[in-house]
């Protein structure tokens, strides 16, 4: 964990496998929840636009701060969901394939970055 802020580049960023036709396919540990994550991010985008409107309309500071807090919470939920999927999928796979040390180092670096 000596490289705070930098993610290692040695660990593969996704899982790859070769199909019968010879093409390489990539899968991410979040694939099964991807539509849900995209939907959440679109809602967050709408909330950000709402705050822009609130500022333009000179709304009360506390109301704006409450909305900012809601956005922060929503983004954290998306991040925690991805972090859990990465840990249960990518990191677990790397450990099983013998590349666990690198995957754990990367996981600890990203947790450190995420919790700043």
PDB file of N, CA and C in Angstrom:
ATOM      1  N   UNK A   1       0.808  -1.192   0.000  1.00  0.00           N
ATOM      2  CA  UNK A   1       0.000   0.000   0.000  1.00  0.00           C
ATOM      3  C   UNK A   1       0.850   1.254   0.000  1.00  0.00           C
ATOM      4  N   UNK A   2       2.071   1.152  -0.385  1.00  0.00           N
ATOM      5  CA  UNK A   2       2.943   2.291  -0.380  1.00  0.00           C
ATOM      6  C   UNK A   2       2.671   3.271  -1.502  1.00  0.00           C
ATOM      7  N   UNK A   3       1.844   2.909  -2.451  1.00  0.00           N
ATOM      8  CA  UNK A   3       1.579   3.768  -3.602  1.00  0.00           C
ATOM      9  C   UNK A   3       0.210   4.400  -3.503  1.00  0.00           C
ATOM     10  N   UNK A   4      -0.042   5.104  -2.449  1.00  0.00           N
ATOM     11  CA  UNK A   4      -1.345   5.725  -2.238  1.00  0.00           C
ATOM     12  C   UNK A   4      -1.657   6.659  -3.400  1.00  0.00           C
ATOM     13  N   UNK A   5      -2.861   6.524  -3.936  1.00  0.00           N
ATOM     14  CA  UNK A   5      -3.289   7.386  -5.034  1.00  0.00           C
ATOM     15  C   UNK A   5      -2.997   6.823  -6.409  1.00  0.00           C
ATOM     16  N   UNK A   6      -2.127   5.829  -6.500  1.00  0.00           N
ATOM     17  CA  UNK A   6      -1.812   5.215  -7.784  1.00  0.00           C
ATOM     18  C   UNK A   6      -2.298   3.776  -7.760  1.00  0.00           C
ATOM     19  N   UNK A   7      -3.029   3.399  -8.794  1.00  0.00           N
ATOM     20  CA  UNK A   7      -3.480   2.022  -8.889  1.00  0.00           C
ATOM     21  C   UNK A   7      -2.458   1.228  -9.690  1.00  0.00           C
ATOM     22  N   UNK A   8      -2.139   0.021  -9.257  1.00  0.00           N
ATOM     23  CA  UNK A   8      -1.181  -0.781 -10.004  1.00  0.00           C
ATOM     24  C   UNK A   8      -1.718  -1.126 -11.377  1.00  0.00           C
ATOM     25  N   UNK A   9      -0.824  -1.291 -12.319  1.00  0.00           N
ATOM     26  CA  UNK A   9      -1.239  -1.605 -13.680  1.00  0.00           C
ATOM     27  C   UNK A   9      -1.030  -3.071 -14.024  1.00  0.00           C
ATOM     28  N   UNK A  10      -0.461  -3.854 -13.125  1.00  0.00           N
ATOM     29  CA  UNK A  10      -0.158  -5.250 -13.407  1.00  0.00           C
ATOM     30  C   UNK A  10      -1.395  -6.138 -13.410  1.00  0.00           C
ATOM     31  N   UNK A  11      -2.407  -5.783 -12.642  1.00  0.00           N
ATOM     32  CA  UNK A  11      -3.599  -6.622 -12.506  1.00  0.00           C
ATOM     33  C   UNK A  11      -4.531  -6.351 -13.680  1.00  0.00           C
ATOM     34  N   UNK A  12      -5.029  -7.409 -14.281  1.00  0.00           N
ATOM     35  CA  UNK A  12      -5.976  -7.249 -15.378  1.00  0.00           C
ATOM     36  C   UNK A  12      -7.215  -6.526 -14.876  1.00  0.00           C
ATOM     37  N   UNK A  13      -7.751  -5.647 -15.685  1.00  0.00           N
ATOM     38  CA  UNK A  13      -8.896  -4.846 -15.274  1.00  0.00           C
ATOM     39  C   UNK A  13     -10.214  -5.583 -15.502  1.00  0.00           C
ATOM     40  N   UNK A  14     -10.199  -6.702 -16.167  1.00  0.00           N
ATOM     41  CA  UNK A  14     -11.415  -7.470 -16.360  1.00  0.00           C
ATOM     42  C   UNK A  14     -11.047  -8.922 -16.604  1.00  0.00           C
ATOM     43  N   UNK A  15     -12.043  -9.746 -16.684  1.00  0.00           N
ATOM     44  CA  UNK A  15     -11.837 -11.161 -16.959  1.00  0.00           C
ATOM     45  C   UNK A  15     -12.004 -11.371 -18.453  1.00  0.00           C
ATOM     46  N   UNK A  16     -11.106 -12.135 -19.053  1.00  0.00           N
ATOM     47  CA  UNK A  16     -11.186 -12.401 -20.479  1.00  0.00           C
ATOM     48  C   UNK A  16     -11.335 -13.894 -20.702  1.00  0.00           C
ATOM     49  N   UNK A  17     -12.043 -14.231 -21.752  1.00  0.00           N
ATOM     50  CA  UNK A  17     -12.126 -15.619 -22.165  1.00  0.00           C
ATOM     51  C   UNK A  17     -12.309 -15.659 -23.667  1.00  0.00           C
ATOM     52  N   UNK A  18     -11.867 -16.764 -24.279  1.00  0.00           N
ATOM     53  CA  UNK A  18     -11.935 -16.904 -25.720  1.00  0.00           C
ATOM     54  C   UNK A  18     -13.119 -17.782 -26.083  1.00  0.00           C
ATOM     55  N   UNK A  19     -13.934 -17.284 -27.005  1.00  0.00           N
ATOM     56  CA  UNK A  19     -15.105 -18.023 -27.443  1.00  0.00           C
ATOM     57  C   UNK A  19     -14.684 -19.045 -28.490  1.00  0.00           C
ATOM     58  N   UNK A  20     -15.600 -19.931 -28.852  1.00  0.00           N
ATOM     59  CA  UNK A  20     -15.305 -20.973 -29.835  1.00  0.00           C
ATOM     60  C   UNK A  20     -14.875 -20.401 -31.179  1.00  0.00           C
ATOM     61  N   UNK A  21     -15.393 -19.213 -31.544  1.00  0.00           N
ATOM     62  CA  UNK A  21     -15.033 -18.615 -32.830  1.00  0.00           C
ATOM     63  C   UNK A  21     -13.696 -17.884 -32.782  1.00  0.00           C
ATOM     64  N   UNK A  22     -13.007 -17.935 -31.630  1.00  0.00           N
ATOM     65  CA  UNK A  22     -11.698 -17.323 -31.506  1.00  0.00           C
ATOM     66  C   UNK A  22     -11.700 -15.881 -31.026  1.00  0.00           C
ATOM     67  N   UNK A  23     -12.873 -15.269 -30.925  1.00  0.00           N
ATOM     68  CA  UNK A  23     -12.946 -13.894 -30.443  1.00  0.00           C
ATOM     69  C   UNK A  23     -12.813 -13.857 -28.926  1.00  0.00           C
ATOM     70  N   UNK A  24     -12.158 -12.825 -28.438  1.00  0.00           N
ATOM     71  CA  UNK A  24     -11.997 -12.652 -27.005  1.00  0.00           C
ATOM     72  C   UNK A  24     -13.156 -11.831 -26.460  1.00  0.00           C
ATOM     73  N   UNK A  25     -13.752 -12.320 -25.403  1.00  0.00           N
ATOM     74  CA  UNK A  25     -14.824 -11.614 -24.722  1.00  0.00           C
ATOM     75  C   UNK A  25     -14.314 -11.150 -23.370  1.00  0.00           C
ATOM     76  N   UNK A  26     -14.800 -10.017 -22.924  1.00  0.00           N
ATOM     77  CA  UNK A  26     -14.427  -9.493 -21.614  1.00  0.00           C
ATOM     78  C   UNK A  26     -15.691  -9.421 -20.758  1.00  0.00           C
ATOM     79  N   UNK A  27     -15.548  -9.772 -19.517  1.00  0.00           N
ATOM     80  CA  UNK A  27     -16.669  -9.623 -18.600  1.00  0.00           C
ATOM     81  C   UNK A  27     -16.183  -8.870 -17.367  1.00  0.00           C
ATOM     82  N   UNK A  28     -17.043  -8.085 -16.824  1.00  0.00           N
ATOM     83  CA  UNK A  28     -16.745  -7.335 -15.611  1.00  0.00           C
ATOM     84  C   UNK A  28     -17.605  -7.886 -14.499  1.00  0.00           C
ATOM     85  N   UNK A  29     -17.139  -7.761 -13.296  1.00  0.00           N
ATOM     86  CA  UNK A  29     -17.868  -8.318 -12.167  1.00  0.00           C
ATOM     87  C   UNK A  29     -19.190  -7.603 -11.917  1.00  0.00           C
ATOM     88  N   UNK A  30     -19.398  -6.440 -12.531  1.00  0.00           N
ATOM     89  CA  UNK A  30     -20.643  -5.694 -12.337  1.00  0.00           C
ATOM     90  C   UNK A  30     -21.641  -5.917 -13.468  1.00  0.00           C
ATOM     91  N   UNK A  31     -21.333  -6.795 -14.389  1.00  0.00           N
ATOM     92  CA  UNK A  31     -22.168  -6.991 -15.571  1.00  0.00           C
ATOM     93  C   UNK A  31     -23.634  -7.236 -15.290  1.00  0.00           C
ATOM     94  N   UNK A  32     -23.925  -7.999 -14.237  1.00  0.00           N
ATOM     95  CA  UNK A  32     -25.321  -8.329 -13.947  1.00  0.00           C
ATOM     96  C   UNK A  32     -26.106  -7.155 -13.357  1.00  0.00           C
ATOM     97  N   UNK A  33     -25.416  -6.133 -12.852  1.00  0.00           N
ATOM     98  CA  UNK A  33     -26.105  -4.963 -12.290  1.00  0.00           C
ATOM     99  C   UNK A  33     -25.829  -3.696 -13.092  1.00  0.00           C
ATOM    100  N   UNK A  34     -25.196  -3.838 -14.236  1.00  0.00           N
ATOM    101  CA  UNK A  34     -24.833  -2.679 -15.054  1.00  0.00           C
ATOM    102  C   UNK A  34     -26.033  -1.782 -15.364  1.00  0.00           C
ATOM    103  N   UNK A  35     -27.164  -2.319 -15.827  1.00  0.00           N
ATOM    104  CA  UNK A  35     -28.313  -1.439 -16.107  1.00  0.00           C
ATOM    105  C   UNK A  35     -28.790  -0.673 -14.865  1.00  0.00           C
ATOM    106  N   UNK A  36     -28.758  -1.331 -13.713  1.00  0.00           N
ATOM    107  CA  UNK A  36     -29.178  -0.686 -12.474  1.00  0.00           C
ATOM    108  C   UNK A  36     -28.211   0.441 -12.097  1.00  0.00           C
ATOM    109  N   UNK A  37     -26.915   0.196 -12.270  1.00  0.00           N
ATOM    110  CA  UNK A  37     -25.911   1.222 -11.959  1.00  0.00           C
ATOM    111  C   UNK A  37     -26.049   2.418 -12.902  1.00  0.00           C
ATOM    112  N   UNK A  38     -26.267   2.153 -14.173  1.00  0.00           N
ATOM    113  CA  UNK A  38     -26.443   3.238 -15.146  1.00  0.00           C
ATOM    114  C   UNK A  38     -27.684   4.053 -14.801  1.00  0.00           C
ATOM    115  N   UNK A  39     -28.747   3.372 -14.410  1.00  0.00           N
ATOM    116  CA  UNK A  39     -29.970   4.066 -14.017  1.00  0.00           C
ATOM    117  C   UNK A  39     -29.722   4.961 -12.803  1.00  0.00           C
ATOM    118  N   UNK A  40     -28.999   4.439 -11.823  1.00  0.00           N
ATOM    119  CA  UNK A  40     -28.683   5.241 -10.633  1.00  0.00           C
ATOM    120  C   UNK A  40     -27.855   6.467 -11.010  1.00  0.00           C
ATOM    121  N   UNK A  41     -26.884   6.280 -11.894  1.00  0.00           N
ATOM    122  CA  UNK A  41     -26.043   7.412 -12.307  1.00  0.00           C
ATOM    123  C   UNK A  41     -26.848   8.456 -13.076  1.00  0.00           C
ATOM    124  N   UNK A  42     -27.811   8.014 -13.854  1.00  0.00           N
ATOM    125  CA  UNK A  42     -28.670   8.977 -14.561  1.00  0.00           C
ATOM    126  C   UNK A  42     -29.524   9.779 -13.574  1.00  0.00           C
ATOM    127  N   UNK A  43     -29.991   9.113 -12.523  1.00  0.00           N
ATOM    128  CA  UNK A  43     -30.751   9.826 -11.490  1.00  0.00           C
ATOM    129  C   UNK A  43     -29.863  10.851 -10.787  1.00  0.00           C
ATOM    130  N   UNK A  44     -28.633  10.461 -10.513  1.00  0.00           N
ATOM    131  CA  UNK A  44     -27.686  11.382  -9.881  1.00  0.00           C
ATOM    132  C   UNK A  44     -27.423  12.571 -10.795  1.00  0.00           C
ATOM    133  N   UNK A  45     -27.287  12.297 -12.078  1.00  0.00           N
ATOM    134  CA  UNK A  45     -27.093  13.378 -13.051  1.00  0.00           C
ATOM    135  C   UNK A  45     -28.267  14.359 -12.999  1.00  0.00           C
ATOM    136  N   UNK A  46     -29.465  13.833 -12.889  1.00  0.00           N
ATOM    137  CA  UNK A  46     -30.647  14.680 -12.773  1.00  0.00           C
ATOM    138  C   UNK A  46     -30.636  15.502 -11.490  1.00  0.00           C
ATOM    139  N   UNK A  47     -30.164  14.891 -10.408  1.00  0.00           N
ATOM    140  CA  UNK A  47     -30.066  15.627  -9.149  1.00  0.00           C
ATOM    141  C   UNK A  47     -29.066  16.776  -9.265  1.00  0.00           C
ATOM    142  N   UNK A  48     -27.948  16.532  -9.946  1.00  0.00           N
ATOM    143  CA  UNK A  48     -26.940  17.584 -10.131  1.00  0.00           C
ATOM    144  C   UNK A  48     -27.535  18.737 -10.935  1.00  0.00           C
ATOM    145  N   UNK A  49     -28.271  18.410 -11.973  1.00  0.00           N
ATOM    146  CA  UNK A  49     -28.918  19.468 -12.769  1.00  0.00           C
ATOM    147  C   UNK A  49     -29.935  20.233 -11.930  1.00  0.00           C
ATOM    148  N   UNK A  50     -30.610  19.510 -11.030  1.00  0.00           N
ATOM    149  CA  UNK A  50     -31.564  20.159 -10.142  1.00  0.00           C
ATOM    150  C   UNK A  50     -30.874  21.159  -9.226  1.00  0.00           C
ATOM    151  N   UNK A  51     -29.698  20.799  -8.749  1.00  0.00           N
ATOM    152  CA  UNK A  51     -28.947  21.723  -7.892  1.00  0.00           C
ATOM    153  C   UNK A  51     -28.493  22.945  -8.691  1.00  0.00           C
ATOM    154  N   UNK A  52     -28.101  22.729  -9.926  1.00  0.00           N
ATOM    155  CA  UNK A  52     -27.743  23.874 -10.767  1.00  0.00           C
ATOM    156  C   UNK A  52     -28.923  24.832 -10.883  1.00  0.00           C
ATOM    157  N   UNK A  53     -30.106  24.283 -11.085  1.00  0.00           N
ATOM    158  CA  UNK A  53     -31.308  25.117 -11.165  1.00  0.00           C
ATOM    159  C   UNK A  53     -31.586  25.819  -9.843  1.00  0.00           C
ATOM    160  N   UNK A  54     -31.383  25.108  -8.758  1.00  0.00           N
ATOM    161  CA  UNK A  54     -31.590  25.712  -7.441  1.00  0.00           C
ATOM    162  C   UNK A  54     -30.668  26.918  -7.250  1.00  0.00           C
ATOM    163  N   UNK A  55     -29.424  26.784  -7.665  1.00  0.00           N
ATOM    164  CA  UNK A  55     -28.476  27.897  -7.562  1.00  0.00           C
ATOM    165  C   UNK A  55     -28.899  29.063  -8.457  1.00  0.00           C
ATOM    166  N   UNK A  56     -29.299  28.725  -9.678  1.00  0.00           N
ATOM    167  CA  UNK A  56     -29.741  29.775 -10.608  1.00  0.00           C
ATOM    168  C   UNK A  56     -30.967  30.510 -10.077  1.00  0.00           C
ATOM    169  N   UNK A  57     -31.829  29.782  -9.346  1.00  0.00           N
ATOM    170  CA  UNK A  57     -33.056  30.364  -8.790  1.00  0.00           C
ATOM    171  C   UNK A  57     -32.848  30.980  -7.406  1.00  0.00           C
ATOM    172  N   UNK A  58     -31.587  31.040  -6.967  1.00  0.00           N
ATOM    173  CA  UNK A  58     -31.246  31.620  -5.661  1.00  0.00           C
ATOM    174  C   UNK A  58     -32.001  30.962  -4.509  1.00  0.00           C
ATOM    175  N   UNK A  59     -32.054  29.628  -4.534  1.00  0.00           N
ATOM    176  CA  UNK A  59     -32.738  28.892  -3.467  1.00  0.00           C
ATOM    177  C   UNK A  59     -31.955  28.948  -2.169  1.00  0.00           C
ATOM    178  N   UNK A  60     -32.613  28.623  -1.107  1.00  0.00           N
ATOM    179  CA  UNK A  60     -32.058  28.652   0.243  1.00  0.00           C
ATOM    180  C   UNK A  60     -30.860  27.696   0.352  1.00  0.00           C
ATOM    181  N   UNK A  61     -29.777  28.179   0.965  1.00  0.00           N
ATOM    182  CA  UNK A  61     -28.526  27.417   1.074  1.00  0.00           C
ATOM    183  C   UNK A  61     -28.729  26.024   1.678  1.00  0.00           C
ATOM    184  N   UNK A  62     -29.509  25.952   2.744  1.00  0.00           N
ATOM    185  CA  UNK A  62     -29.709  24.670   3.426  1.00  0.00           C
ATOM    186  C   UNK A  62     -30.372  23.653   2.497  1.00  0.00           C
ATOM    187  N   UNK A  63     -31.326  24.097   1.697  1.00  0.00           N
ATOM    188  CA  UNK A  63     -31.974  23.190   0.739  1.00  0.00           C
ATOM    189  C   UNK A  63     -30.956  22.642  -0.262  1.00  0.00           C
ATOM    190  N   UNK A  64     -30.068  23.503  -0.719  1.00  0.00           N
ATOM    191  CA  UNK A  64     -29.036  23.074  -1.665  1.00  0.00           C
ATOM    192  C   UNK A  64     -28.080  22.095  -0.997  1.00  0.00           C
ATOM    193  N   UNK A  65     -27.674  22.392   0.216  1.00  0.00           N
ATOM    194  CA  UNK A  65     -26.761  21.509   0.945  1.00  0.00           C
ATOM    195  C   UNK A  65     -27.374  20.137   1.191  1.00  0.00           C
ATOM    196  N   UNK A  66     -28.662  20.100   1.478  1.00  0.00           N
ATOM    197  CA  UNK A  66     -29.347  18.822   1.668  1.00  0.00           C
ATOM    198  C   UNK A  66     -29.317  18.003   0.378  1.00  0.00           C
ATOM    199  N   UNK A  67     -29.542  18.658  -0.753  1.00  0.00           N
ATOM    200  CA  UNK A  67     -29.491  17.960  -2.038  1.00  0.00           C
ATOM    201  C   UNK A  67     -28.076  17.475  -2.358  1.00  0.00           C
ATOM    202  N   UNK A  68     -27.070  18.274  -2.018  1.00  0.00           N
ATOM    203  CA  UNK A  68     -25.682  17.847  -2.215  1.00  0.00           C
ATOM    204  C   UNK A  68     -25.371  16.608  -1.376  1.00  0.00           C
ATOM    205  N   UNK A  69     -25.886  16.592  -0.168  1.00  0.00           N
ATOM    206  CA  UNK A  69     -25.687  15.440   0.705  1.00  0.00           C
ATOM    207  C   UNK A  69     -26.339  14.188   0.107  1.00  0.00           C
ATOM    208  N   UNK A  70     -27.512  14.349  -0.479  1.00  0.00           N
ATOM    209  CA  UNK A  70     -28.207  13.218  -1.104  1.00  0.00           C
ATOM    210  C   UNK A  70     -27.406  12.678  -2.287  1.00  0.00           C
ATOM    211  N   UNK A  71     -26.804  13.583  -3.060  1.00  0.00           N
ATOM    212  CA  UNK A  71     -25.981  13.155  -4.201  1.00  0.00           C
ATOM    213  C   UNK A  71     -24.749  12.408  -3.713  1.00  0.00           C
ATOM    214  N   UNK A  72     -24.120  12.930  -2.694  1.00  0.00           N
ATOM    215  CA  UNK A  72     -22.936  12.269  -2.133  1.00  0.00           C
ATOM    216  C   UNK A  72     -23.287  10.861  -1.670  1.00  0.00           C
ATOM    217  N   UNK A  73     -24.404  10.711  -1.001  1.00  0.00           N
ATOM    218  CA  UNK A  73     -24.855   9.406  -0.528  1.00  0.00           C
ATOM    219  C   UNK A  73     -25.128   8.464  -1.703  1.00  0.00           C
ATOM    220  N   UNK A  74     -25.783   8.966  -2.736  1.00  0.00           N
ATOM    221  CA  UNK A  74     -26.107   8.139  -3.904  1.00  0.00           C
ATOM    222  C   UNK A  74     -24.843   7.679  -4.624  1.00  0.00           C
ATOM    223  N   UNK A  75     -23.874   8.563  -4.762  1.00  0.00           N
ATOM    224  CA  UNK A  75     -22.613   8.193  -5.415  1.00  0.00           C
ATOM    225  C   UNK A  75     -21.875   7.152  -4.581  1.00  0.00           C
ATOM    226  N   UNK A  76     -21.878   7.325  -3.264  1.00  0.00           N
ATOM    227  CA  UNK A  76     -21.238   6.332  -2.398  1.00  0.00           C
ATOM    228  C   UNK A  76     -21.882   4.963  -2.544  1.00  0.00           C
ATOM    229  N   UNK A  77     -23.207   4.920  -2.693  1.00  0.00           N
ATOM    230  CA  UNK A  77     -23.890   3.636  -2.866  1.00  0.00           C
ATOM    231  C   UNK A  77     -23.466   2.963  -4.177  1.00  0.00           C
ATOM    232  N   UNK A  78     -23.339   3.741  -5.238  1.00  0.00           N
ATOM    233  CA  UNK A  78     -22.869   3.182  -6.517  1.00  0.00           C
ATOM    234  C   UNK A  78     -21.450   2.654  -6.337  1.00  0.00           C
ATOM    235  N   UNK A  79     -20.600   3.442  -5.704  1.00  0.00           N
ATOM    236  CA  UNK A  79     -19.222   3.029  -5.489  1.00  0.00           C
ATOM    237  C   UNK A  79     -19.108   1.780  -4.637  1.00  0.00           C
ATOM    238  N   UNK A  80     -19.880   1.713  -3.568  1.00  0.00           N
ATOM    239  CA  UNK A  80     -19.840   0.526  -2.709  1.00  0.00           C
ATOM    240  C   UNK A  80     -20.354  -0.708  -3.437  1.00  0.00           C
ATOM    241  N   UNK A  81     -21.345  -0.530  -4.275  1.00  0.00           N
ATOM    242  CA  UNK A  81     -21.846  -1.654  -5.068  1.00  0.00           C
ATOM    243  C   UNK A  81     -20.759  -2.181  -6.004  1.00  0.00           C
ATOM    244  N   UNK A  82     -20.075  -1.263  -6.676  1.00  0.00           N
ATOM    245  CA  UNK A  82     -18.974  -1.667  -7.561  1.00  0.00           C
ATOM    246  C   UNK A  82     -17.834  -2.302  -6.774  1.00  0.00           C
ATOM    247  N   UNK A  83     -17.529  -1.743  -5.630  1.00  0.00           N
ATOM    248  CA  UNK A  83     -16.456  -2.276  -4.793  1.00  0.00           C
ATOM    249  C   UNK A  83     -16.774  -3.696  -4.340  1.00  0.00           C
ATOM    250  N   UNK A  84     -18.012  -3.926  -3.949  1.00  0.00           N
ATOM    251  CA  UNK A  84     -18.404  -5.273  -3.538  1.00  0.00           C
ATOM    252  C   UNK A  84     -18.319  -6.248  -4.711  1.00  0.00           C
ATOM    253  N   UNK A  85     -18.834  -5.833  -5.867  1.00  0.00           N
ATOM    254  CA  UNK A  85     -18.779  -6.712  -7.050  1.00  0.00           C
ATOM    255  C   UNK A  85     -17.344  -7.019  -7.429  1.00  0.00           C
ATOM    256  N   UNK A  86     -16.480  -5.994  -7.366  1.00  0.00           N
ATOM    257  CA  UNK A  86     -15.069  -6.185  -7.710  1.00  0.00           C
ATOM    258  C   UNK A  86     -14.417  -7.174  -6.736  1.00  0.00           C
ATOM    259  N   UNK A  87     -14.705  -7.022  -5.461  1.00  0.00           N
ATOM    260  CA  UNK A  87     -14.103  -7.896  -4.456  1.00  0.00           C
ATOM    261  C   UNK A  87     -14.579  -9.337  -4.627  1.00  0.00           C
ATOM    262  N   UNK A  88     -15.884  -9.506  -4.778  1.00  0.00           N
ATOM    263  CA  UNK A  88     -16.443 -10.858  -4.890  1.00  0.00           C
ATOM    264  C   UNK A  88     -16.138 -11.514  -6.244  1.00  0.00           C
ATOM    265  N   UNK A  89     -15.931 -10.702  -7.271  1.00  0.00           N
ATOM    266  CA  UNK A  89     -15.677 -11.254  -8.599  1.00  0.00           C
ATOM    267  C   UNK A  89     -14.210 -11.233  -8.973  1.00  0.00           C
ATOM    268  N   UNK A  90     -13.703 -10.053  -9.269  1.00  0.00           N
ATOM    269  CA  UNK A  90     -12.338  -9.905  -9.786  1.00  0.00           C
ATOM    270  C   UNK A  90     -11.275 -10.347  -8.780  1.00  0.00           C
ATOM    271  N   UNK A  91     -11.396  -9.864  -7.545  1.00  0.00           N
ATOM    272  CA  UNK A  91     -10.374 -10.189  -6.545  1.00  0.00           C
ATOM    273  C   UNK A  91     -10.418 -11.676  -6.208  1.00  0.00           C
ATOM    274  N   UNK A  92     -11.614 -12.203  -6.013  1.00  0.00           N
ATOM    275  CA  UNK A  92     -11.739 -13.633  -5.722  1.00  0.00           C
ATOM    276  C   UNK A  92     -11.164 -14.472  -6.852  1.00  0.00           C
ATOM    277  N   UNK A  93     -11.448 -14.076  -8.099  1.00  0.00           N
ATOM    278  CA  UNK A  93     -10.897 -14.795  -9.250  1.00  0.00           C
ATOM    279  C   UNK A  93      -9.386 -14.730  -9.300  1.00  0.00           C
ATOM    280  N   UNK A  94      -8.837 -13.571  -8.990  1.00  0.00           N
ATOM    281  CA  UNK A  94      -7.378 -13.418  -9.003  1.00  0.00           C
ATOM    282  C   UNK A  94      -6.729 -14.271  -7.914  1.00  0.00           C
ATOM    283  N   UNK A  95      -7.353 -14.328  -6.751  1.00  0.00           N
ATOM    284  CA  UNK A  95      -6.819 -15.156  -5.669  1.00  0.00           C
ATOM    285  C   UNK A  95      -6.819 -16.622  -6.080  1.00  0.00           C
ATOM    286  N   UNK A  96      -7.926 -17.058  -6.671  1.00  0.00           N
ATOM    287  CA  UNK A  96      -8.025 -18.457  -7.103  1.00  0.00           C
ATOM    288  C   UNK A  96      -7.016 -18.799  -8.193  1.00  0.00           C
ATOM    289  N   UNK A  97      -6.669 -17.802  -9.033  1.00  0.00           N
ATOM    290  CA  UNK A  97      -5.729 -18.063 -10.130  1.00  0.00           C
ATOM    291  C   UNK A  97      -4.274 -17.811  -9.723  1.00  0.00           C
ATOM    292  N   UNK A  98      -4.045 -17.476  -8.454  1.00  0.00           N
ATOM    293  CA  UNK A  98      -2.680 -17.295  -7.980  1.00  0.00           C
ATOM    294  C   UNK A  98      -2.148 -15.873  -8.084  1.00  0.00           C
ATOM    295  N   UNK A  99      -2.977 -14.927  -8.473  1.00  0.00           N
ATOM    296  CA  UNK A  99      -2.542 -13.534  -8.591  1.00  0.00           C
ATOM    297  C   UNK A  99      -3.161 -12.687  -7.481  1.00  0.00           C
ATOM    298  N   UNK A 100      -3.378 -13.299  -6.338  1.00  0.00           N
ATOM    299  CA  UNK A 100      -4.073 -12.645  -5.243  1.00  0.00           C
ATOM    300  C   UNK A 100      -3.337 -11.471  -4.640  1.00  0.00           C
ATOM    301  N   UNK A 101      -2.014 -11.567  -4.532  1.00  0.00           N
ATOM    302  CA  UNK A 101      -1.259 -10.474  -3.918  1.00  0.00           C
ATOM    303  C   UNK A 101      -1.456  -9.166  -4.667  1.00  0.00           C
ATOM    304  N   UNK A 102      -1.369  -9.216  -5.982  1.00  0.00           N
ATOM    305  CA  UNK A 102      -1.560  -8.006  -6.790  1.00  0.00           C
ATOM    306  C   UNK A 102      -2.991  -7.486  -6.679  1.00  0.00           C
ATOM    307  N   UNK A 103      -3.944  -8.396  -6.722  1.00  0.00           N
ATOM    308  CA  UNK A 103      -5.351  -7.997  -6.646  1.00  0.00           C
ATOM    309  C   UNK A 103      -5.682  -7.380  -5.293  1.00  0.00           C
ATOM    310  N   UNK A 104      -5.137  -7.935  -4.242  1.00  0.00           N
ATOM    311  CA  UNK A 104      -5.390  -7.387  -2.909  1.00  0.00           C
ATOM    312  C   UNK A 104      -4.729  -6.021  -2.764  1.00  0.00           C
ATOM    313  N   UNK A 105      -3.534  -5.873  -3.292  1.00  0.00           N
ATOM    314  CA  UNK A 105      -2.860  -4.572  -3.256  1.00  0.00           C
ATOM    315  C   UNK A 105      -3.687  -3.520  -4.008  1.00  0.00           C
ATOM    316  N   UNK A 106      -4.180  -3.889  -5.168  1.00  0.00           N
ATOM    317  CA  UNK A 106      -5.018  -2.977  -5.938  1.00  0.00           C
ATOM    318  C   UNK A 106      -6.302  -2.647  -5.180  1.00  0.00           C
ATOM    319  N   UNK A 107      -6.912  -3.660  -4.564  1.00  0.00           N
ATOM    320  CA  UNK A 107      -8.135  -3.455  -3.795  1.00  0.00           C
ATOM    321  C   UNK A 107      -7.895  -2.488  -2.641  1.00  0.00           C
ATOM    322  N   UNK A 108      -6.820  -2.673  -1.923  1.00  0.00           N
ATOM    323  CA  UNK A 108      -6.524  -1.788  -0.800  1.00  0.00           C
ATOM    324  C   UNK A 108      -6.263  -0.359  -1.282  1.00  0.00           C
ATOM    325  N   UNK A 109      -5.584  -0.209  -2.406  1.00  0.00           N
ATOM    326  CA  UNK A 109      -5.348   1.123  -2.961  1.00  0.00           C
ATOM    327  C   UNK A 109      -6.656   1.800  -3.345  1.00  0.00           C
ATOM    328  N   UNK A 110      -7.562   1.066  -3.973  1.00  0.00           N
ATOM    329  CA  UNK A 110      -8.824   1.662  -4.401  1.00  0.00           C
ATOM    330  C   UNK A 110      -9.717   1.958  -3.193  1.00  0.00           C
ATOM    331  N   UNK A 111      -9.674   1.124  -2.169  1.00  0.00           N
ATOM    332  CA  UNK A 111     -10.427   1.417  -0.939  1.00  0.00           C
ATOM    333  C   UNK A 111      -9.895   2.699  -0.309  1.00  0.00           C
ATOM    334  N   UNK A 112      -8.579   2.833  -0.262  1.00  0.00           N
ATOM    335  CA  UNK A 112      -7.982   4.049   0.278  1.00  0.00           C
ATOM    336  C   UNK A 112      -8.414   5.271  -0.519  1.00  0.00           C
ATOM    337  N   UNK A 113      -8.405   5.157  -1.834  1.00  0.00           N
ATOM    338  CA  UNK A 113      -8.824   6.278  -2.690  1.00  0.00           C
ATOM    339  C   UNK A 113     -10.310   6.578  -2.503  1.00  0.00           C
ATOM    340  N   UNK A 114     -11.116   5.544  -2.404  1.00  0.00           N
ATOM    341  CA  UNK A 114     -12.568   5.697  -2.289  1.00  0.00           C
ATOM    342  C   UNK A 114     -12.973   6.347  -0.974  1.00  0.00           C
ATOM    343  N   UNK A 115     -12.216   6.099   0.077  1.00  0.00           N
ATOM    344  CA  UNK A 115     -12.598   6.597   1.389  1.00  0.00           C
ATOM    345  C   UNK A 115     -12.006   7.966   1.722  1.00  0.00           C
ATOM    346  N   UNK A 116     -11.325   8.581   0.792  1.00  0.00           N
ATOM    347  CA  UNK A 116     -10.760   9.919   1.045  1.00  0.00           C
ATOM    348  C   UNK A 116     -11.868  10.943   1.125  1.00  0.00           C
TER     349      UNK A 116
END
